[in-house]
């Protein structure tokens, strides 16, 4: 296939609301010595994409800036310095575009640094893959890179029906952990099917009493997807040397019960996937590919939109009025 000189893309010329997203033609990028040119088959929308677009998450953005983080696609060209790791026609994926000066995935073509690109296992559907790449990598980095989850430990995750919450349940279950999932009642069956051992209503007034009964020896890893950060109630429910993963709530200013924290040797671990090293991302990719190939990594699919509807995709994401991950195709 001949790569055209221009491509369709969704991009911004300045930070702003979803109305700042423009759909039009840009020059097709070329692969640098360490890059791979990928023809996009599917991409998706993440919360971090909203923060980058708006400027809330400060990062290098060269305008016009193509939005988007993840993609699954086909290799169209390989830089001279890449070697034989990737070949034209390979189906591949990435989950770290649209940040730190890297142009995004909302385009017909994207250049991807070869060190941030991974082969998609054979027979894995691109749509099924693209909706889990960001959430599963986030879960892997938090559970294993930060919290050092071990076999037989107990994980408590709120918002377990969300994208990241679902991934946390699946990865923790696959690692041999006992999983307590808190979610809206409509997601209870979903969480059980993903491997949760105990499922709670996260809005129940007595939820903390229920957690105490479900984990009488305490929670080893506490993961809050809902940015509630009720540390005064949560920390006493954790086992000594427990770890709390914090990756939501940019403007939250919770009270910190310092005594409960240091006298019980607890840890609060903040992280974002954007700060992960190349090695950490590669380790997460290996885990993701193994679970995808085994059919053990799934997510709810939401609306499927076109690149021309990128502005709508961001609007829907911000509204919260969706059930499942948004997929965007050329």
C-alpha atoms as a PDB file:
ATOM      1  CA  UNK A   1       0.000   0.000   0.000  1.00  0.00           C
ATOM      2  CA  UNK A   2       1.358   3.423  -0.986  1.00  0.00           C
ATOM      3  CA  UNK A   3       1.412   5.897   1.896  1.00  0.00           C
ATOM      4  CA  UNK A   4      -0.312   9.140   0.804  1.00  0.00           C
ATOM      5  CA  UNK A   5       1.402  12.515   1.375  1.00  0.00           C
ATOM      6  CA  UNK A   6      -1.547  13.764   3.447  1.00  0.00           C
ATOM      7  CA  UNK A   7      -3.771  12.055   5.995  1.00  0.00           C
ATOM      8  CA  UNK A   8      -6.973  12.717   7.887  1.00  0.00           C
ATOM      9  CA  UNK A   9      -6.486  13.475  11.567  1.00  0.00           C
ATOM     10  CA  UNK A  10      -8.135  14.962  14.657  1.00  0.00           C
ATOM     11  CA  UNK A  11      -5.960  17.606  16.269  1.00  0.00           C
ATOM     12  CA  UNK A  12      -5.847  20.814  18.269  1.00  0.00           C
ATOM     13  CA  UNK A  13      -4.110  24.117  17.549  1.00  0.00           C
ATOM     14  CA  UNK A  14      -4.343  25.259  21.177  1.00  0.00           C
ATOM     15  CA  UNK A  15      -5.451  23.809  24.499  1.00  0.00           C
ATOM     16  CA  UNK A  16      -9.146  24.103  25.230  1.00  0.00           C
ATOM     17  CA  UNK A  17     -12.503  22.357  25.479  1.00  0.00           C
ATOM     18  CA  UNK A  18     -13.694  19.609  23.166  1.00  0.00           C
ATOM     19  CA  UNK A  19     -14.631  22.374  20.722  1.00  0.00           C
ATOM     20  CA  UNK A  20     -10.897  22.880  20.161  1.00  0.00           C
ATOM     21  CA  UNK A  21     -10.702  19.527  18.363  1.00  0.00           C
ATOM     22  CA  UNK A  22     -10.427  19.951  14.596  1.00  0.00           C
ATOM     23  CA  UNK A  23     -10.806  17.266  11.929  1.00  0.00           C
ATOM     24  CA  UNK A  24      -8.929  17.787   8.691  1.00  0.00           C
ATOM     25  CA  UNK A  25      -5.836  16.982   6.667  1.00  0.00           C
ATOM     26  CA  UNK A  26      -2.272  17.044   7.922  1.00  0.00           C
ATOM     27  CA  UNK A  27       0.949  15.986   6.297  1.00  0.00           C
ATOM     28  CA  UNK A  28       1.563  12.273   6.746  1.00  0.00           C
ATOM     29  CA  UNK A  29       4.534  11.783   9.089  1.00  0.00           C
ATOM     30  CA  UNK A  30       7.563   9.779   8.066  1.00  0.00           C
ATOM     31  CA  UNK A  31       9.397   7.246  10.187  1.00  0.00           C
ATOM     32  CA  UNK A  32      12.599   8.518  11.763  1.00  0.00           C
ATOM     33  CA  UNK A  33      15.570   6.174  12.236  1.00  0.00           C
ATOM     34  CA  UNK A  34      14.145   4.689  15.456  1.00  0.00           C
ATOM     35  CA  UNK A  35      10.475   4.965  14.489  1.00  0.00           C
ATOM     36  CA  UNK A  36       7.823   2.798  12.892  1.00  0.00           C
ATOM     37  CA  UNK A  37       5.056   4.255  10.714  1.00  0.00           C
ATOM     38  CA  UNK A  38       1.754   2.592  11.631  1.00  0.00           C
ATOM     39  CA  UNK A  39      -1.560   2.759   9.769  1.00  0.00           C
ATOM     40  CA  UNK A  40      -4.192   3.123  12.483  1.00  0.00           C
ATOM     41  CA  UNK A  41      -6.987   0.544  12.553  1.00  0.00           C
ATOM     42  CA  UNK A  42      -8.531   1.496  15.896  1.00  0.00           C
ATOM     43  CA  UNK A  43      -7.930   3.889  18.756  1.00  0.00           C
ATOM     44  CA  UNK A  44      -9.853   4.932  21.855  1.00  0.00           C
ATOM     45  CA  UNK A  45     -10.332   7.770  24.340  1.00  0.00           C
ATOM     46  CA  UNK A  46      -8.815   7.924  27.839  1.00  0.00           C
ATOM     47  CA  UNK A  47      -9.327  10.415  30.644  1.00  0.00           C
ATOM     48  CA  UNK A  48      -5.715  11.509  30.253  1.00  0.00           C
ATOM     49  CA  UNK A  49      -6.480  12.530  26.660  1.00  0.00           C
ATOM     50  CA  UNK A  50      -8.982  15.033  28.035  1.00  0.00           C
ATOM     51  CA  UNK A  51      -6.407  16.433  30.456  1.00  0.00           C
ATOM     52  CA  UNK A  52      -3.763  16.766  27.725  1.00  0.00           C
ATOM     53  CA  UNK A  53      -6.208  18.434  25.338  1.00  0.00           C
ATOM     54  CA  UNK A  54      -7.375  20.920  27.957  1.00  0.00           C
ATOM     55  CA  UNK A  55      -3.890  21.645  29.270  1.00  0.00           C
ATOM     56  CA  UNK A  56      -4.733  20.381  32.769  1.00  0.00           C
ATOM     57  CA  UNK A  57      -1.954  17.825  32.410  1.00  0.00           C
ATOM     58  CA  UNK A  58       1.107  19.816  31.408  1.00  0.00           C
ATOM     59  CA  UNK A  59       3.172  18.085  28.738  1.00  0.00           C
ATOM     60  CA  UNK A  60       5.020  19.066  25.583  1.00  0.00           C
ATOM     61  CA  UNK A  61       2.559  19.672  22.756  1.00  0.00           C
ATOM     62  CA  UNK A  62       3.750  20.819  19.347  1.00  0.00           C
ATOM     63  CA  UNK A  63       0.827  22.354  17.483  1.00  0.00           C
ATOM     64  CA  UNK A  64      -1.008  21.247  15.463  1.00  0.00           C
ATOM     65  CA  UNK A  65      -1.135  18.429  17.991  1.00  0.00           C
ATOM     66  CA  UNK A  66      -2.796  15.130  17.106  1.00  0.00           C
ATOM     67  CA  UNK A  67      -4.778  13.865  20.106  1.00  0.00           C
ATOM     68  CA  UNK A  68      -4.972  10.300  21.389  1.00  0.00           C
ATOM     69  CA  UNK A  69      -2.897   7.792  23.332  1.00  0.00           C
ATOM     70  CA  UNK A  70      -3.544   4.207  22.159  1.00  0.00           C
ATOM     71  CA  UNK A  71      -3.745   2.482  18.810  1.00  0.00           C
ATOM     72  CA  UNK A  72      -3.784  -0.873  17.086  1.00  0.00           C
ATOM     73  CA  UNK A  73      -2.622  -0.852  13.498  1.00  0.00           C
ATOM     74  CA  UNK A  74      -0.456  -2.225  10.714  1.00  0.00           C
ATOM     75  CA  UNK A  75       3.199  -1.405  10.047  1.00  0.00           C
ATOM     76  CA  UNK A  76       3.620   0.595   6.828  1.00  0.00           C
ATOM     77  CA  UNK A  77       7.290   1.645   7.077  1.00  0.00           C
ATOM     78  CA  UNK A  78      10.240   0.992   9.376  1.00  0.00           C
ATOM     79  CA  UNK A  79      13.080   3.381  10.237  1.00  0.00           C
ATOM     80  CA  UNK A  80      16.599   2.470   9.186  1.00  0.00           C
ATOM     81  CA  UNK A  81      17.748   1.962  12.769  1.00  0.00           C
ATOM     82  CA  UNK A  82      14.921  -0.308  13.938  1.00  0.00           C
ATOM     83  CA  UNK A  83      16.360  -3.542  12.566  1.00  0.00           C
ATOM     84  CA  UNK A  84      14.182  -6.590  11.945  1.00  0.00           C
ATOM     85  CA  UNK A  85      12.031  -6.326  15.081  1.00  0.00           C
ATOM     86  CA  UNK A  86       9.132  -5.003  13.017  1.00  0.00           C
ATOM     87  CA  UNK A  87       8.288  -5.663   9.381  1.00  0.00           C
ATOM     88  CA  UNK A  88       5.828  -4.087   6.960  1.00  0.00           C
ATOM     89  CA  UNK A  89       2.469  -5.793   7.414  1.00  0.00           C
ATOM     90  CA  UNK A  90       2.904  -6.640  11.113  1.00  0.00           C
ATOM     91  CA  UNK A  91      -0.086  -5.904  13.309  1.00  0.00           C
ATOM     92  CA  UNK A  92       1.088  -3.874  16.300  1.00  0.00           C
ATOM     93  CA  UNK A  93      -0.055  -1.726  19.195  1.00  0.00           C
ATOM     94  CA  UNK A  94       1.065   1.098  21.441  1.00  0.00           C
ATOM     95  CA  UNK A  95      -0.379   2.900  24.447  1.00  0.00           C
ATOM     96  CA  UNK A  96       1.955   5.861  24.924  1.00  0.00           C
ATOM     97  CA  UNK A  97       1.416   8.364  22.123  1.00  0.00           C
ATOM     98  CA  UNK A  98       0.044  11.894  22.538  1.00  0.00           C
ATOM     99  CA  UNK A  99       2.398  12.830  25.363  1.00  0.00           C
ATOM    100  CA  UNK A 100       5.869  14.305  25.969  1.00  0.00           C
ATOM    101  CA  UNK A 101       6.148  15.641  22.441  1.00  0.00           C
ATOM    102  CA  UNK A 102       4.884  12.495  20.727  1.00  0.00           C
ATOM    103  CA  UNK A 103       2.027  13.138  18.319  1.00  0.00           C
ATOM    104  CA  UNK A 104      -1.140  11.166  19.000  1.00  0.00           C
ATOM    105  CA  UNK A 105      -3.131   8.293  17.576  1.00  0.00           C
ATOM    106  CA  UNK A 106      -6.220  10.070  16.192  1.00  0.00           C
ATOM    107  CA  UNK A 107      -4.938   9.970  12.629  1.00  0.00           C
ATOM    108  CA  UNK A 108      -4.797   7.592   9.715  1.00  0.00           C
ATOM    109  CA  UNK A 109      -1.043   7.226  10.279  1.00  0.00           C
ATOM    110  CA  UNK A 110       1.185   7.648  13.324  1.00  0.00           C
ATOM    111  CA  UNK A 111       4.914   7.382  13.918  1.00  0.00           C
ATOM    112  CA  UNK A 112       5.687   5.302  16.981  1.00  0.00           C
ATOM    113  CA  UNK A 113       9.098   4.999  18.654  1.00  0.00           C
ATOM    114  CA  UNK A 114      10.026   1.343  18.169  1.00  0.00           C
ATOM    115  CA  UNK A 115      10.747   0.965  21.889  1.00  0.00           C
ATOM    116  CA  UNK A 116       7.104   1.836  22.613  1.00  0.00           C
ATOM    117  CA  UNK A 117       5.614  -0.536  20.027  1.00  0.00           C
ATOM    118  CA  UNK A 118       4.541  -4.152  20.560  1.00  0.00           C
ATOM    119  CA  UNK A 119       3.306  -6.972  18.357  1.00  0.00           C
ATOM    120  CA  UNK A 120      -0.359  -7.889  18.665  1.00  0.00           C
ATOM    121  CA  UNK A 121      -0.811 -11.635  19.252  1.00  0.00           C
ATOM    122  CA  UNK A 122      -2.231 -13.534  16.309  1.00  0.00           C
ATOM    123  CA  UNK A 123      -5.997 -14.011  16.221  1.00  0.00           C
ATOM    124  CA  UNK A 124      -6.599 -11.164  18.700  1.00  0.00           C
ATOM    125  CA  UNK A 125      -9.226  -8.764  17.382  1.00  0.00           C
ATOM    126  CA  UNK A 126      -7.929  -5.165  17.080  1.00  0.00           C
ATOM    127  CA  UNK A 127     -11.129  -3.751  18.588  1.00  0.00           C
ATOM    128  CA  UNK A 128     -10.978  -6.131  21.542  1.00  0.00           C
ATOM    129  CA  UNK A 129      -7.361  -5.167  22.113  1.00  0.00           C
ATOM    130  CA  UNK A 130      -7.461  -1.394  21.775  1.00  0.00           C
ATOM    131  CA  UNK A 131     -10.022  -0.917  24.548  1.00  0.00           C
ATOM    132  CA  UNK A 132      -7.822  -2.612  27.166  1.00  0.00           C
ATOM    133  CA  UNK A 133      -4.336  -1.320  26.298  1.00  0.00           C
ATOM    134  CA  UNK A 134      -4.352   1.761  28.515  1.00  0.00           C
ATOM    135  CA  UNK A 135      -6.420   0.405  31.380  1.00  0.00           C
ATOM    136  CA  UNK A 136      -4.603  -2.930  31.609  1.00  0.00           C
ATOM    137  CA  UNK A 137      -1.188  -1.279  31.505  1.00  0.00           C
ATOM    138  CA  UNK A 138      -2.304   1.088  34.255  1.00  0.00           C
ATOM    139  CA  UNK A 139      -3.487  -1.846  36.349  1.00  0.00           C
ATOM    140  CA  UNK A 140      -0.262  -3.782  35.786  1.00  0.00           C
ATOM    141  CA  UNK A 141       1.976  -0.837  36.665  1.00  0.00           C
ATOM    142  CA  UNK A 142       0.002  -0.064  39.811  1.00  0.00           C
ATOM    143  CA  UNK A 143      -0.440  -3.608  41.072  1.00  0.00           C
ATOM    144  CA  UNK A 144       3.017  -4.975  40.345  1.00  0.00           C
ATOM    145  CA  UNK A 145       5.339  -2.047  39.711  1.00  0.00           C
ATOM    146  CA  UNK A 146       4.112   0.071  42.625  1.00  0.00           C
ATOM    147  CA  UNK A 147       2.166  -2.109  45.075  1.00  0.00           C
ATOM    148  CA  UNK A 148       4.267  -5.266  44.535  1.00  0.00           C
ATOM    149  CA  UNK A 149       1.203  -7.480  44.734  1.00  0.00           C
ATOM    150  CA  UNK A 150       2.024 -11.007  45.887  1.00  0.00           C
ATOM    151  CA  UNK A 151       0.271 -14.349  45.552  1.00  0.00           C
ATOM    152  CA  UNK A 152      -2.537 -14.783  48.086  1.00  0.00           C
ATOM    153  CA  UNK A 153      -2.819 -11.124  49.079  1.00  0.00           C
ATOM    154  CA  UNK A 154      -6.145  -9.312  49.263  1.00  0.00           C
ATOM    155  CA  UNK A 155      -6.948  -6.475  46.862  1.00  0.00           C
ATOM    156  CA  UNK A 156      -9.821  -4.051  47.367  1.00  0.00           C
ATOM    157  CA  UNK A 157     -10.830  -1.973  44.325  1.00  0.00           C
ATOM    158  CA  UNK A 158     -13.531   0.674  44.136  1.00  0.00           C
ATOM    159  CA  UNK A 159     -15.181   1.598  40.852  1.00  0.00           C
ATOM    160  CA  UNK A 160     -14.534  -1.988  39.809  1.00  0.00           C
ATOM    161  CA  UNK A 161     -16.949  -1.740  36.896  1.00  0.00           C
ATOM    162  CA  UNK A 162     -14.908   1.013  35.243  1.00  0.00           C
ATOM    163  CA  UNK A 163     -12.177   0.445  32.659  1.00  0.00           C
ATOM    164  CA  UNK A 164      -9.241   0.558  35.061  1.00  0.00           C
ATOM    165  CA  UNK A 165     -11.288  -1.131  37.796  1.00  0.00           C
ATOM    166  CA  UNK A 166     -12.137  -4.042  35.523  1.00  0.00           C
ATOM    167  CA  UNK A 167      -8.489  -4.409  34.553  1.00  0.00           C
ATOM    168  CA  UNK A 168      -7.405  -4.375  38.214  1.00  0.00           C
ATOM    169  CA  UNK A 169      -9.888  -7.147  39.003  1.00  0.00           C
ATOM    170  CA  UNK A 170      -8.708  -9.279  36.076  1.00  0.00           C
ATOM    171  CA  UNK A 171      -4.966  -8.836  36.626  1.00  0.00           C
ATOM    172  CA  UNK A 172      -5.181  -9.311  40.382  1.00  0.00           C
ATOM    173  CA  UNK A 173      -7.280 -12.453  39.939  1.00  0.00           C
ATOM    174  CA  UNK A 174      -4.849 -13.820  37.334  1.00  0.00           C
ATOM    175  CA  UNK A 175      -1.986 -13.227  39.794  1.00  0.00           C
ATOM    176  CA  UNK A 176      -3.649 -15.352  42.471  1.00  0.00           C
ATOM    177  CA  UNK A 177      -4.882 -12.525  44.686  1.00  0.00           C
ATOM    178  CA  UNK A 178      -8.203 -12.461  46.517  1.00  0.00           C
ATOM    179  CA  UNK A 179     -10.263  -9.622  45.042  1.00  0.00           C
ATOM    180  CA  UNK A 180     -12.920  -7.564  46.802  1.00  0.00           C
ATOM    181  CA  UNK A 181     -14.683  -5.388  44.232  1.00  0.00           C
ATOM    182  CA  UNK A 182     -16.935  -2.427  45.000  1.00  0.00           C
ATOM    183  CA  UNK A 183     -19.180  -1.307  42.143  1.00  0.00           C
ATOM    184  CA  UNK A 184     -22.661  -0.142  41.238  1.00  0.00           C
ATOM    185  CA  UNK A 185     -25.233  -2.966  41.428  1.00  0.00           C
ATOM    186  CA  UNK A 186     -25.550  -3.057  37.631  1.00  0.00           C
ATOM    187  CA  UNK A 187     -21.890  -4.111  37.438  1.00  0.00           C
ATOM    188  CA  UNK A 188     -21.917  -6.810  40.124  1.00  0.00           C
ATOM    189  CA  UNK A 189     -22.351  -9.745  37.740  1.00  0.00           C
ATOM    190  CA  UNK A 190     -19.702  -8.259  35.457  1.00  0.00           C
ATOM    191  CA  UNK A 191     -17.192  -8.058  38.319  1.00  0.00           C
ATOM    192  CA  UNK A 192     -17.887 -11.621  39.417  1.00  0.00           C
ATOM    193  CA  UNK A 193     -17.382 -12.846  35.844  1.00  0.00           C
ATOM    194  CA  UNK A 194     -14.018 -11.042  35.744  1.00  0.00           C
ATOM    195  CA  UNK A 195     -12.781 -12.865  38.839  1.00  0.00           C
ATOM    196  CA  UNK A 196     -13.901 -10.875  41.895  1.00  0.00           C
ATOM    197  CA  UNK A 197     -14.292 -13.084  44.979  1.00  0.00           C
ATOM    198  CA  UNK A 198     -16.496 -10.611  46.863  1.00  0.00           C
ATOM    199  CA  UNK A 199     -18.624  -7.873  45.280  1.00  0.00           C
ATOM    200  CA  UNK A 200     -19.993  -4.905  47.256  1.00  0.00           C
ATOM    201  CA  UNK A 201     -22.204  -1.916  46.523  1.00  0.00           C
ATOM    202  CA  UNK A 202     -19.806   1.029  46.634  1.00  0.00           C
ATOM    203  CA  UNK A 203     -22.654   3.391  47.529  1.00  0.00           C
ATOM    204  CA  UNK A 204     -23.906   1.389  50.498  1.00  0.00           C
ATOM    205  CA  UNK A 205     -23.766   3.387  53.760  1.00  0.00           C
ATOM    206  CA  UNK A 206     -22.158   0.468  55.613  1.00  0.00           C
ATOM    207  CA  UNK A 207     -19.597  -0.390  52.923  1.00  0.00           C
ATOM    208  CA  UNK A 208     -16.637  -0.083  55.303  1.00  0.00           C
ATOM    209  CA  UNK A 209     -18.227  -2.520  57.763  1.00  0.00           C
ATOM    210  CA  UNK A 210     -18.740  -4.941  54.872  1.00  0.00           C
ATOM    211  CA  UNK A 211     -15.097  -4.611  53.837  1.00  0.00           C
ATOM    212  CA  UNK A 212     -14.017  -5.365  57.415  1.00  0.00           C
ATOM    213  CA  UNK A 213     -16.098  -8.547  57.425  1.00  0.00           C
ATOM    214  CA  UNK A 214     -14.833  -9.565  53.992  1.00  0.00           C
ATOM    215  CA  UNK A 215     -11.193  -8.955  54.961  1.00  0.00           C
ATOM    216  CA  UNK A 216     -10.933  -9.446  58.748  1.00  0.00           C
ATOM    217  CA  UNK A 217      -7.124  -9.547  58.543  1.00  0.00           C
ATOM    218  CA  UNK A 218      -7.027  -6.347  56.490  1.00  0.00           C
ATOM    219  CA  UNK A 219      -6.579  -5.327  52.849  1.00  0.00           C
ATOM    220  CA  UNK A 220      -3.079  -5.619  51.398  1.00  0.00           C
ATOM    221  CA  UNK A 221      -3.620  -3.418  48.335  1.00  0.00           C
ATOM    222  CA  UNK A 222      -6.312  -0.705  48.257  1.00  0.00           C
ATOM    223  CA  UNK A 223      -7.110   0.783  44.832  1.00  0.00           C
ATOM    224  CA  UNK A 224      -9.540   3.712  44.644  1.00  0.00           C
ATOM    225  CA  UNK A 225     -10.773   4.494  41.118  1.00  0.00           C
ATOM    226  CA  UNK A 226     -13.427   6.921  42.322  1.00  0.00           C
ATOM    227  CA  UNK A 227     -11.150   9.571  43.862  1.00  0.00           C
ATOM    228  CA  UNK A 228     -13.001   9.474  47.163  1.00  0.00           C
ATOM    229  CA  UNK A 229      -9.794   9.284  49.225  1.00  0.00           C
ATOM    230  CA  UNK A 230     -11.582   8.714  52.524  1.00  0.00           C
ATOM    231  CA  UNK A 231      -8.284   7.926  54.205  1.00  0.00           C
ATOM    232  CA  UNK A 232      -9.670   8.198  57.723  1.00  0.00           C
ATOM    233  CA  UNK A 233     -12.023   5.287  57.046  1.00  0.00           C
ATOM    234  CA  UNK A 234      -9.791   3.329  54.675  1.00  0.00           C
ATOM    235  CA  UNK A 235      -6.438   3.151  56.447  1.00  0.00           C
ATOM    236  CA  UNK A 236      -7.749   1.271  59.530  1.00  0.00           C
ATOM    237  CA  UNK A 237      -9.103  -1.411  57.167  1.00  0.00           C
ATOM    238  CA  UNK A 238      -5.679  -2.152  55.712  1.00  0.00           C
ATOM    239  CA  UNK A 239      -3.284  -4.857  56.838  1.00  0.00           C
ATOM    240  CA  UNK A 240       0.041  -3.767  58.337  1.00  0.00           C
ATOM    241  CA  UNK A 241       2.435  -2.871  55.525  1.00  0.00           C
ATOM    242  CA  UNK A 242      -0.538  -2.460  53.205  1.00  0.00           C
ATOM    243  CA  UNK A 243      -0.270  -0.298  50.102  1.00  0.00           C
ATOM    244  CA  UNK A 244      -2.808   2.201  48.753  1.00  0.00           C
ATOM    245  CA  UNK A 245      -2.594   3.042  45.043  1.00  0.00           C
ATOM    246  CA  UNK A 246      -3.610   6.617  44.227  1.00  0.00           C
ATOM    247  CA  UNK A 247      -4.140   7.442  40.555  1.00  0.00           C
ATOM    248  CA  UNK A 248      -7.259   9.631  40.446  1.00  0.00           C
ATOM    249  CA  UNK A 249      -8.488  12.918  41.865  1.00  0.00           C
ATOM    250  CA  UNK A 250      -6.205  15.658  40.553  1.00  0.00           C
ATOM    251  CA  UNK A 251      -7.778  18.335  42.763  1.00  0.00           C
ATOM    252  CA  UNK A 252      -8.451  16.182  45.853  1.00  0.00           C
ATOM    253  CA  UNK A 253      -7.131  17.384  49.226  1.00  0.00           C
ATOM    254  CA  UNK A 254      -8.099  14.638  51.691  1.00  0.00           C
ATOM    255  CA  UNK A 255      -7.325  14.554  55.395  1.00  0.00           C
ATOM    256  CA  UNK A 256      -4.386  12.287  56.165  1.00  0.00           C
ATOM    257  CA  UNK A 257      -4.477  10.405  59.488  1.00  0.00           C
ATOM    258  CA  UNK A 258      -0.727  10.339  59.901  1.00  0.00           C
ATOM    259  CA  UNK A 259      -0.790   8.138  62.992  1.00  0.00           C
ATOM    260  CA  UNK A 260      -2.640   5.330  61.247  1.00  0.00           C
ATOM    261  CA  UNK A 261      -0.232   5.617  58.344  1.00  0.00           C
ATOM    262  CA  UNK A 262       3.179   5.417  59.968  1.00  0.00           C
ATOM    263  CA  UNK A 263       2.457   3.319  63.050  1.00  0.00           C
ATOM    264  CA  UNK A 264       1.143   0.525  60.807  1.00  0.00           C
ATOM    265  CA  UNK A 265       3.851   0.909  58.143  1.00  0.00           C
ATOM    266  CA  UNK A 266       1.347   1.716  55.390  1.00  0.00           C
ATOM    267  CA  UNK A 267       2.273   3.245  52.033  1.00  0.00           C
ATOM    268  CA  UNK A 268       0.452   5.696  49.786  1.00  0.00           C
ATOM    269  CA  UNK A 269       1.613   5.180  46.200  1.00  0.00           C
ATOM    270  CA  UNK A 270       0.840   7.808  43.580  1.00  0.00           C
ATOM    271  CA  UNK A 271       1.512   7.157  39.906  1.00  0.00           C
ATOM    272  CA  UNK A 272       0.430   7.818  36.345  1.00  0.00           C
ATOM    273  CA  UNK A 273       1.163   5.617  33.357  1.00  0.00           C
ATOM    274  CA  UNK A 274       2.671   8.603  31.557  1.00  0.00           C
ATOM    275  CA  UNK A 275       5.688   8.490  33.890  1.00  0.00           C
ATOM    276  CA  UNK A 276       6.368   4.787  33.345  1.00  0.00           C
ATOM    277  CA  UNK A 277       9.781   3.845  32.000  1.00  0.00           C
ATOM    278  CA  UNK A 278      10.320   1.995  28.724  1.00  0.00           C
ATOM    279  CA  UNK A 279      11.142  -1.146  30.684  1.00  0.00           C
ATOM    280  CA  UNK A 280       8.028  -0.869  32.840  1.00  0.00           C
ATOM    281  CA  UNK A 281       5.832  -0.401  29.782  1.00  0.00           C
ATOM    282  CA  UNK A 282       7.453  -3.403  28.091  1.00  0.00           C
ATOM    283  CA  UNK A 283       6.801  -5.582  31.144  1.00  0.00           C
ATOM    284  CA  UNK A 284       3.170  -4.464  31.166  1.00  0.00           C
ATOM    285  CA  UNK A 285       2.908  -5.178  27.426  1.00  0.00           C
ATOM    286  CA  UNK A 286       4.181  -8.723  27.941  1.00  0.00           C
ATOM    287  CA  UNK A 287       1.488  -9.336  30.553  1.00  0.00           C
ATOM    288  CA  UNK A 288      -1.213  -7.734  28.399  1.00  0.00           C
ATOM    289  CA  UNK A 289      -0.297  -9.843  25.367  1.00  0.00           C
ATOM    290  CA  UNK A 290      -0.339 -13.062  27.395  1.00  0.00           C
ATOM    291  CA  UNK A 291      -3.779 -12.287  28.815  1.00  0.00           C
ATOM    292  CA  UNK A 292      -5.132 -11.179  25.426  1.00  0.00           C
ATOM    293  CA  UNK A 293      -3.867 -14.350  23.750  1.00  0.00           C
ATOM    294  CA  UNK A 294      -5.509 -16.467  26.460  1.00  0.00           C
ATOM    295  CA  UNK A 295      -8.796 -14.548  26.184  1.00  0.00           C
ATOM    296  CA  UNK A 296      -8.562 -13.438  29.815  1.00  0.00           C
ATOM    297  CA  UNK A 297      -8.586  -9.686  29.265  1.00  0.00           C
ATOM    298  CA  UNK A 298     -11.906  -8.173  28.244  1.00  0.00           C
ATOM    299  CA  UNK A 299     -13.698  -4.854  28.560  1.00  0.00           C
ATOM    300  CA  UNK A 300     -17.097  -3.369  27.830  1.00  0.00           C
ATOM    301  CA  UNK A 301     -17.338  -1.841  24.353  1.00  0.00           C
ATOM    302  CA  UNK A 302     -19.108   1.490  24.038  1.00  0.00           C
ATOM    303  CA  UNK A 303     -19.890   3.511  20.911  1.00  0.00           C
ATOM    304  CA  UNK A 304     -17.794   3.116  17.760  1.00  0.00           C
ATOM    305  CA  UNK A 305     -17.100   6.500  16.171  1.00  0.00           C
ATOM    306  CA  UNK A 306     -15.162   7.802  13.173  1.00  0.00           C
ATOM    307  CA  UNK A 307     -12.154  10.106  13.264  1.00  0.00           C
ATOM    308  CA  UNK A 308     -14.444  12.834  11.975  1.00  0.00           C
ATOM    309  CA  UNK A 309     -16.413  12.423  15.220  1.00  0.00           C
ATOM    310  CA  UNK A 310     -13.392  12.929  17.496  1.00  0.00           C
ATOM    311  CA  UNK A 311     -14.903  16.023  19.074  1.00  0.00           C
ATOM    312  CA  UNK A 312     -18.010  14.006  19.925  1.00  0.00           C
ATOM    313  CA  UNK A 313     -15.833  11.233  21.366  1.00  0.00           C
ATOM    314  CA  UNK A 314     -14.221  13.691  23.781  1.00  0.00           C
ATOM    315  CA  UNK A 315     -17.589  15.206  24.668  1.00  0.00           C
ATOM    316  CA  UNK A 316     -19.062  11.799  25.479  1.00  0.00           C
ATOM    317  CA  UNK A 317     -15.998  10.877  27.531  1.00  0.00           C
ATOM    318  CA  UNK A 318     -16.238  14.048  29.599  1.00  0.00           C
ATOM    319  CA  UNK A 319     -19.985  13.703  30.146  1.00  0.00           C
ATOM    320  CA  UNK A 320     -19.648  10.265  31.702  1.00  0.00           C
ATOM    321  CA  UNK A 321     -22.767   9.265  29.746  1.00  0.00           C
ATOM    322  CA  UNK A 322     -21.412   6.001  28.381  1.00  0.00           C
ATOM    323  CA  UNK A 323     -21.343   2.306  29.129  1.00  0.00           C
ATOM    324  CA  UNK A 324     -18.097   0.905  27.886  1.00  0.00           C
ATOM    325  CA  UNK A 325     -14.961   2.126  26.141  1.00  0.00           C
ATOM    326  CA  UNK A 326     -15.255   4.402  23.115  1.00  0.00           C
ATOM    327  CA  UNK A 327     -13.626   3.043  19.960  1.00  0.00           C
ATOM    328  CA  UNK A 328     -12.562   5.373  17.145  1.00  0.00           C
ATOM    329  CA  UNK A 329     -11.793   4.108  13.640  1.00  0.00           C
ATOM    330  CA  UNK A 330     -10.545   5.892  10.492  1.00  0.00           C
END
